[in-house]
Protein backbone atom coordinates (compact mmCIF):
# COMPACT_ATOMS: atom_id res chain seq x y z
CA MET A 1 25.68 23.81 -10.87
CA TYR A 2 23.04 25.82 -9.05
CA LYS A 3 21.21 24.08 -6.23
CA ILE A 4 17.81 25.42 -7.29
CA SER A 5 16.45 26.93 -10.50
CA VAL A 6 13.40 29.17 -10.07
CA VAL A 7 11.25 29.54 -13.19
CA VAL A 8 8.87 32.50 -13.29
CA ALA A 9 6.36 33.04 -16.09
CA THR A 10 5.61 36.77 -16.39
CA TYR A 11 3.10 38.98 -18.15
CA ASN A 12 2.62 42.69 -17.42
CA SER A 13 3.86 41.97 -13.90
CA GLY A 14 5.20 45.44 -13.11
CA ASP A 15 6.59 46.17 -9.66
CA PHE A 16 5.58 42.72 -8.37
CA LEU A 17 8.76 41.46 -10.01
CA SER A 18 10.99 43.52 -7.74
CA GLU A 19 9.21 42.26 -4.64
CA PHE A 20 9.48 38.69 -5.85
CA LEU A 21 13.18 38.91 -6.69
CA ASP A 22 13.89 40.55 -3.31
CA SER A 23 12.50 37.44 -1.63
CA ILE A 24 14.87 35.28 -3.68
CA LYS A 25 17.88 37.49 -2.99
CA SER A 26 17.24 37.20 0.75
CA GLN A 27 17.09 33.39 0.79
CA SER A 28 19.18 31.87 3.60
CA LEU A 29 20.27 29.12 1.19
CA GLY A 30 22.37 31.78 -0.52
CA PHE A 31 21.39 33.80 -3.59
CA GLU A 32 24.56 32.60 -5.33
CA ASP A 33 23.23 29.02 -5.25
CA ILE A 34 19.96 29.98 -6.91
CA GLU A 35 19.23 30.53 -10.60
CA VAL A 36 16.22 32.65 -11.58
CA ILE A 37 14.73 32.36 -15.06
CA PHE A 38 12.02 34.84 -16.02
CA VAL A 39 10.08 33.90 -19.16
CA ASP A 40 7.96 36.78 -20.37
CA ASP A 41 4.76 36.08 -22.30
CA ALA A 42 5.07 39.10 -24.64
CA SER A 43 4.29 41.78 -22.05
CA THR A 44 3.01 45.10 -23.36
CA ASP A 45 3.92 47.35 -20.42
CA SER A 46 7.32 49.06 -20.40
CA CYS A 47 7.72 48.69 -16.62
CA THR A 48 7.84 44.88 -16.81
CA LEU A 49 10.15 44.87 -19.82
CA ASP A 50 12.51 47.43 -18.30
CA LEU A 51 12.74 45.52 -15.03
CA LEU A 52 13.45 42.23 -16.77
CA HIS A 53 16.19 43.77 -18.91
CA ASP A 54 17.65 45.38 -15.78
CA PHE A 55 17.65 42.08 -13.86
CA ASN A 56 19.28 40.38 -16.82
CA LYS A 57 22.15 42.88 -16.83
CA LYS A 58 22.56 43.24 -13.07
CA TYR A 59 22.71 39.62 -11.88
CA SER A 60 24.76 36.81 -13.42
CA ASN A 61 22.36 34.19 -12.03
CA VAL A 62 19.20 35.89 -13.32
CA SER A 63 18.10 35.63 -16.94
CA ALA A 64 15.11 36.94 -18.85
CA VAL A 65 13.67 35.23 -21.91
CA PHE A 66 11.10 36.97 -24.10
CA LEU A 67 8.49 35.01 -26.06
CA ASP A 68 7.61 36.40 -29.48
CA GLU A 69 3.88 35.83 -29.10
CA ASN A 70 1.54 35.91 -26.13
CA SER A 71 0.39 32.40 -25.28
CA GLY A 72 -2.13 33.56 -22.69
CA PHE A 73 -1.30 30.74 -20.29
CA PRO A 74 1.62 29.99 -17.93
CA GLY A 75 2.43 26.52 -19.27
CA THR A 76 4.38 27.76 -22.29
CA GLY A 77 6.69 29.96 -20.24
CA ARG A 78 7.21 27.32 -17.58
CA ASN A 79 8.21 24.71 -20.16
CA ARG A 80 10.64 27.12 -21.79
CA GLY A 81 12.17 27.88 -18.41
CA LEU A 82 12.38 24.18 -17.55
CA ASP A 83 14.34 23.57 -20.75
CA LEU A 84 16.81 26.29 -19.77
CA ALA A 85 17.11 25.40 -16.08
CA GLY A 86 20.59 24.38 -14.98
CA GLY A 87 19.89 23.68 -11.32
CA GLU A 88 19.86 20.33 -9.55
CA TYR A 89 16.28 21.08 -8.49
CA VAL A 90 13.64 23.29 -10.07
CA ILE A 91 10.63 25.15 -8.73
CA PHE A 92 8.01 27.25 -10.54
CA ALA A 93 6.81 30.50 -8.99
CA ASP A 94 4.16 33.09 -9.79
CA HIS A 95 5.37 36.59 -10.51
CA ASP A 96 3.29 38.38 -7.86
CA ASP A 97 4.08 36.33 -4.74
CA SER A 98 7.15 35.67 -2.60
CA TYR A 99 9.02 33.03 -0.60
CA VAL A 100 9.83 33.18 3.11
CA GLU A 101 13.49 33.74 3.92
CA ASN A 102 14.40 30.12 4.76
CA ALA A 103 12.13 28.48 2.17
CA PHE A 104 14.80 27.12 -0.15
CA GLU A 105 17.20 26.16 2.63
CA VAL A 106 14.58 23.98 4.33
CA MET A 107 13.27 22.54 1.07
CA TYR A 108 16.72 21.81 -0.36
CA ASN A 109 17.98 20.17 2.83
CA GLU A 110 14.90 17.97 3.17
CA ILE A 111 14.71 16.81 -0.44
CA SER A 112 18.47 16.11 -0.48
CA LYS A 113 18.36 14.22 2.82
CA GLU A 114 15.56 11.97 1.59
CA ASN A 115 16.86 11.79 -2.01
CA ALA A 116 13.26 12.39 -3.04
CA ASP A 117 11.95 13.05 -6.53
CA PHE A 118 9.95 16.00 -5.31
CA LEU A 119 8.94 17.85 -2.18
CA ILE A 120 5.81 19.78 -1.22
CA THR A 121 5.31 22.42 1.47
CA ASN A 122 2.42 24.38 2.88
CA TYR A 123 1.86 28.10 2.30
CA TYR A 124 0.40 31.35 3.63
CA LYS A 125 -2.61 33.05 2.07
CA VAL A 126 -1.97 36.79 2.13
CA TYR A 127 -5.05 39.00 2.05
CA GLU A 128 -5.16 42.80 2.22
CA ARG A 129 -5.85 42.82 5.96
CA GLU A 130 -4.54 39.49 7.22
CA THR A 131 -2.30 36.52 6.54
CA VAL A 132 -3.58 33.03 7.30
CA LYS A 133 -2.08 29.56 7.15
CA GLU A 134 -3.53 27.15 4.61
CA LYS A 135 -5.25 24.25 6.36
CA THR A 136 -5.03 20.74 4.94
CA VAL A 137 -6.22 17.23 5.75
CA PHE A 138 -2.76 16.51 7.20
CA ASP A 139 -3.29 18.94 10.10
CA GLY A 140 0.41 19.54 10.70
CA GLU A 141 1.58 15.99 9.93
CA ASN A 142 4.63 15.59 7.68
CA VAL A 143 4.95 12.48 5.52
CA VAL A 144 7.52 10.72 3.34
CA VAL A 145 6.16 8.10 0.94
CA ASN A 146 7.74 5.80 -1.64
CA THR A 147 4.53 5.70 -3.66
CA PHE A 148 1.39 7.84 -3.71
CA LYS A 149 -0.56 4.72 -2.77
CA ASP A 150 1.00 4.93 0.70
CA ASP A 151 -1.04 8.08 1.41
CA LEU A 152 -3.85 9.00 -0.97
CA ARG A 153 -4.43 12.19 1.01
CA LEU A 154 -1.69 13.67 -1.14
CA PHE A 155 -4.31 14.05 -3.87
CA ASP A 156 -6.17 16.42 -1.53
CA ILE A 157 -3.25 18.84 -1.47
CA GLY A 158 -3.75 21.86 -3.71
CA PRO A 159 -1.95 21.51 -7.06
CA SER A 160 -0.49 25.02 -6.94
CA ILE A 161 2.96 24.52 -8.35
CA TRP A 162 4.89 27.15 -6.38
CA THR A 163 5.24 24.98 -3.23
CA LYS A 164 6.64 21.98 -5.11
CA LEU A 165 10.37 21.44 -5.58
CA PHE A 166 11.31 18.87 -8.22
CA LYS A 167 14.51 17.02 -8.97
CA LYS A 168 15.14 18.25 -12.50
CA ASP A 169 16.35 14.85 -13.73
CA PHE A 170 13.11 13.30 -12.46
CA LEU A 171 11.01 15.62 -14.63
CA ALA A 172 13.25 15.03 -17.66
CA GLU A 173 13.38 11.24 -17.33
CA ASN A 174 9.58 11.01 -17.15
CA ASN A 175 8.95 13.77 -19.71
CA ILE A 176 6.77 15.64 -17.23
CA ARG A 177 5.87 18.99 -18.75
CA PHE A 178 3.14 21.58 -18.37
CA LEU A 179 0.05 21.69 -20.54
CA GLU A 180 0.13 24.59 -22.97
CA GLY A 181 -2.79 26.64 -24.24
CA MET A 182 -5.03 25.79 -21.27
CA LEU A 183 -5.27 25.84 -17.50
CA ALA A 184 -5.08 23.04 -14.90
CA GLU A 185 -1.47 22.84 -16.09
CA ASP A 186 -0.34 22.74 -12.47
CA LEU A 187 -2.76 19.91 -11.64
CA TYR A 188 -1.45 17.95 -14.63
CA VAL A 189 2.18 18.24 -13.51
CA TYR A 190 1.34 17.53 -9.87
CA VAL A 191 -0.68 14.40 -10.68
CA TYR A 192 1.93 13.19 -13.18
CA ALA A 193 4.70 13.68 -10.61
CA LEU A 194 2.77 11.92 -7.84
CA LEU A 195 2.05 8.93 -10.06
CA LYS A 196 5.69 8.61 -11.15
CA SER A 197 7.58 9.59 -8.01
CA LYS A 198 9.55 6.91 -6.17
CA LYS A 199 9.83 9.12 -3.09
CA THR A 200 7.74 12.18 -2.19
CA VAL A 201 8.15 14.44 0.85
CA TYR A 202 5.31 16.59 2.19
CA LEU A 203 5.99 19.19 4.89
CA ASP A 204 2.58 20.25 6.12
CA ASP A 205 4.02 22.21 9.04
CA PHE A 206 6.40 24.32 6.94
CA TYR A 207 4.99 27.40 5.19
CA SER A 208 7.37 28.37 2.41
CA TYR A 209 5.31 30.70 0.24
CA ASN A 210 3.29 33.91 0.51
CA TYR A 211 0.34 33.57 -1.86
CA SER A 212 -1.10 37.04 -2.45
CA ILE A 213 -4.86 37.11 -2.96
CA ARG A 214 -6.13 40.37 -4.40
CA ASP A 215 -9.69 41.24 -5.38
CA VAL A 216 -9.69 44.79 -6.68
CA ASP A 217 -10.84 45.84 -10.14
CA GLY A 218 -7.77 45.94 -12.37
CA ASN A 219 -5.71 44.03 -9.81
CA LYS A 220 -7.27 40.61 -9.27
CA SER A 221 -5.55 37.34 -8.45
CA THR A 222 -6.26 34.48 -10.85
CA ILE A 223 -8.45 32.89 -8.18
CA HIS A 224 -10.91 35.78 -8.63
CA ILE A 225 -11.00 35.65 -12.44
CA ARG A 226 -14.00 33.59 -13.52
CA ASN A 227 -14.75 34.45 -17.12
CA LYS A 228 -15.67 31.95 -19.83
CA LYS A 229 -12.09 31.67 -21.10
CA TYR A 230 -10.83 30.77 -17.63
CA LEU A 231 -13.55 28.20 -16.92
CA GLU A 232 -13.30 26.64 -20.39
CA SER A 233 -9.52 26.39 -20.10
CA MET A 234 -9.94 24.56 -16.80
CA VAL A 235 -12.26 22.04 -18.46
CA ASN A 236 -9.76 21.45 -21.26
CA GLY A 237 -7.06 20.83 -18.70
CA TYR A 238 -9.26 18.41 -16.74
CA PHE A 239 -9.76 16.31 -19.86
CA GLU A 240 -6.00 16.18 -20.37
CA VAL A 241 -5.54 14.96 -16.79
CA ASP A 242 -8.17 12.30 -17.44
CA ASN A 243 -6.31 11.27 -20.60
CA LEU A 244 -3.12 11.04 -18.55
CA LEU A 245 -4.79 8.66 -16.09
CA ASP A 246 -5.92 6.51 -18.99
CA LYS A 247 -2.43 6.51 -20.53
CA LEU A 248 -0.81 5.48 -17.25
CA ASN A 249 -3.54 2.97 -16.44
CA LYS A 250 -4.45 4.84 -13.26
CA GLU A 251 -8.16 5.48 -13.88
CA GLU A 252 -9.03 3.96 -10.50
CA PHE A 253 -7.76 7.17 -8.88
CA PHE A 254 -10.02 9.47 -10.92
CA SER A 255 -12.23 10.40 -7.96
CA ASN A 256 -9.31 10.86 -5.57
CA ILE A 257 -7.91 13.44 -7.94
CA PHE A 258 -11.00 15.22 -9.21
CA LYS A 259 -13.53 15.32 -6.36
CA ARG A 260 -12.31 18.59 -4.88
CA HIS A 261 -11.54 20.15 -8.26
CA PHE A 262 -15.08 19.65 -9.57
CA VAL A 263 -16.46 21.40 -6.48
CA TYR A 264 -14.01 24.26 -7.08
CA TRP A 265 -15.01 24.49 -10.75
CA LEU A 266 -18.75 24.40 -10.00
CA THR A 267 -18.28 27.09 -7.38
CA SER A 268 -16.39 29.23 -9.89
CA LEU A 269 -19.23 28.78 -12.37
CA VAL A 270 -21.86 29.65 -9.75
CA VAL A 271 -20.22 32.93 -8.72
CA SER A 272 -19.27 33.96 -12.26
CA ASP A 273 -21.12 36.72 -14.09
CA ILE A 274 -21.09 35.07 -17.51
CA SER A 275 -24.32 34.68 -19.46
CA ASP A 276 -26.67 31.71 -19.09
CA ALA A 277 -25.84 30.68 -22.66
CA GLU A 278 -22.15 30.57 -21.78
CA LYS A 279 -22.89 28.63 -18.61
CA ARG A 280 -24.85 26.09 -20.62
CA GLU A 281 -22.00 25.71 -23.10
CA LEU A 282 -19.54 25.08 -20.27
CA VAL A 283 -21.83 22.61 -18.51
CA VAL A 284 -22.21 20.64 -21.74
CA ALA A 285 -18.44 20.53 -22.07
CA ILE A 286 -17.66 19.30 -18.56
CA ASN A 287 -20.67 17.04 -18.06
CA PRO A 288 -18.96 13.77 -19.22
CA LEU A 289 -16.39 14.22 -16.46
CA LEU A 290 -19.04 15.09 -13.86
CA LYS A 291 -21.03 11.99 -14.81
CA LYS A 292 -17.87 9.90 -14.51
CA GLN A 293 -17.33 11.28 -10.99
CA LEU A 294 -20.92 10.60 -9.97
CA ALA A 295 -20.64 7.03 -11.23
CA ILE A 296 -17.89 6.57 -8.63
CA SER A 297 -19.28 8.72 -5.84
CA SER A 298 -23.01 9.38 -5.74
CA GLU A 299 -22.69 12.96 -4.46
CA PHE A 300 -20.49 16.04 -4.29
CA ASP A 301 -18.70 17.12 -1.11
CA GLU A 302 -20.57 20.43 -1.25
CA LYS A 303 -24.19 19.95 -0.08
CA SER A 304 -25.56 22.91 -2.04
CA TYR A 305 -24.75 21.03 -5.26
CA LEU A 306 -26.87 18.00 -4.42
CA PRO A 307 -29.81 19.29 -6.55
CA LEU A 308 -27.53 19.17 -9.58
CA ILE A 309 -26.83 15.45 -9.42
CA ASP A 310 -29.93 14.05 -11.12
CA LEU A 311 -29.83 16.85 -13.70
CA ILE A 312 -26.20 16.08 -14.56
CA LEU A 313 -26.96 12.38 -14.94
CA ALA A 314 -29.99 13.19 -17.11
CA GLU A 315 -27.97 15.70 -19.16
CA ASP A 316 -30.70 18.28 -18.60
CA TYR A 317 -28.48 21.26 -19.32
CA ASP A 318 -31.18 23.97 -19.21
CA LYS A 319 -32.30 22.82 -15.77
CA ILE A 320 -28.68 22.67 -14.59
CA VAL A 321 -28.21 26.33 -15.54
CA GLU A 322 -31.46 27.26 -13.79
CA GLU A 323 -30.34 25.47 -10.64
CA ILE A 324 -26.91 27.13 -10.77
CA CYS A 325 -28.61 30.54 -10.90
CA LYS A 326 -30.72 29.60 -7.86
CA ILE A 327 -27.62 28.53 -5.96
CA LYS A 328 -25.94 31.83 -6.82
CA LYS A 329 -28.90 33.83 -5.45
CA SER A 330 -28.95 31.69 -2.30
CA ARG A 331 -25.22 32.25 -1.76
CA ALA A 332 -25.68 36.00 -2.26
CA ARG A 333 -28.40 36.10 0.42
CA LYS A 334 -26.22 34.16 2.87
CA ASP A 335 -23.22 36.39 2.15
CA LYS A 336 -25.36 39.47 2.75
CA ILE A 337 -26.48 38.13 6.11
CA LYS A 338 -22.90 37.27 7.08
CA SER A 339 -21.75 40.73 6.06
CA PHE A 340 -24.54 42.35 8.11
CA PHE A 341 -23.42 40.51 11.24
CA GLY A 342 -19.73 41.03 10.52
CA LEU A 343 -19.07 37.36 9.81
CA ARG A 344 -16.62 36.00 7.22
C-alpha cells in the first residue's frame, strides 16, 4: 500500500503538469511510497493529453484517467480520483502548483504519530516577483485537537484543499466527498471533515505548498477569475454547506464558517466586470445567506461593506448594486493612489 495518494484534477494544464510531477518525484518521503492519480476533465489541448499518456506509461505509480465529458469543476475529478486511491492517506492538489521537498515526509510523520483523521499545513503564495508566507490567526502556533470545538479558529483557516492530508478510511467511513457541478467544493469537504474528525492536526509553522498566483490575460489563477459563472457557482456551494450544517445539526457554527467567505465573495463581486443586471441576479441569490449572517453578527469584518447592511436586510437589490459600484470606484481610486506612491 502506498503511504500517500495524490489526486490531481486537470484541464488544459500543459507544462504545469511536468513541474508539478517533478515536485512529487523529489519528495523526501520517497517517490516509490507515493501514488499520483491525474483525472483529466476532457482537455482539448494535445500537450496536456500527451503528457498524461506519457506519465501513465513511464511511471508504475502514476495513472491518468480521462473523463468523457467536461464537468467544468474540480469536484468530479477529485471524487473519481478518491475512488481509485489506494494509499493510506490522500491529498488533493491543483495541477499548476507544487509541494516543497519535505512536504509529504513531515505531513505523513505527524499524522501517523498523532493517529489523526486529517492534518493541515500552511503554504507559500508565489507571485511573479516574490514569494510570501500565508499569515493566519494562529501566528505560528501548532495545534492538535480532538474536536473542532476545542479551537474554533480552525474555521478561519483557508479551505484550500491542497494543504490537507486525510486518512482515506476517515473520508470513506463518513462519506465525505466533493460537491460536483459547483464551486466551494473545498470548503464543503473541509467543513465536513472538521465536524466529523476525532483528531485534527494543524501545523501553522510548516509551509508545505507553493500556491502560484498568476494574473496575466490567458494565464490567470482561479483567484483572479470573477465572472458570473464563478460567482454563481460559489453561491451554490455555500448553500450546500449550509444544508450540511442543517443535516449535521451544527447550525450554531454558521457564522464561524461563513463570516470570512462572505467578505471574500462580496469583494469578488465588487472587483468583477460583470454587468449590473448580473450583479443584481447574484445578490438576489446569495441574500438569504447574507441575511442569516447579519442576524448572527450585525456587521461584516470589512468596514467598506457597512453601507450594504441595511440594504441587504431590506432586500433592496437595486440599491445594493448601486452601492457595490460606488465601493468599486472608491477601491479603484485608493489603488491608484497606492500605485502612484509605490505602495502595495
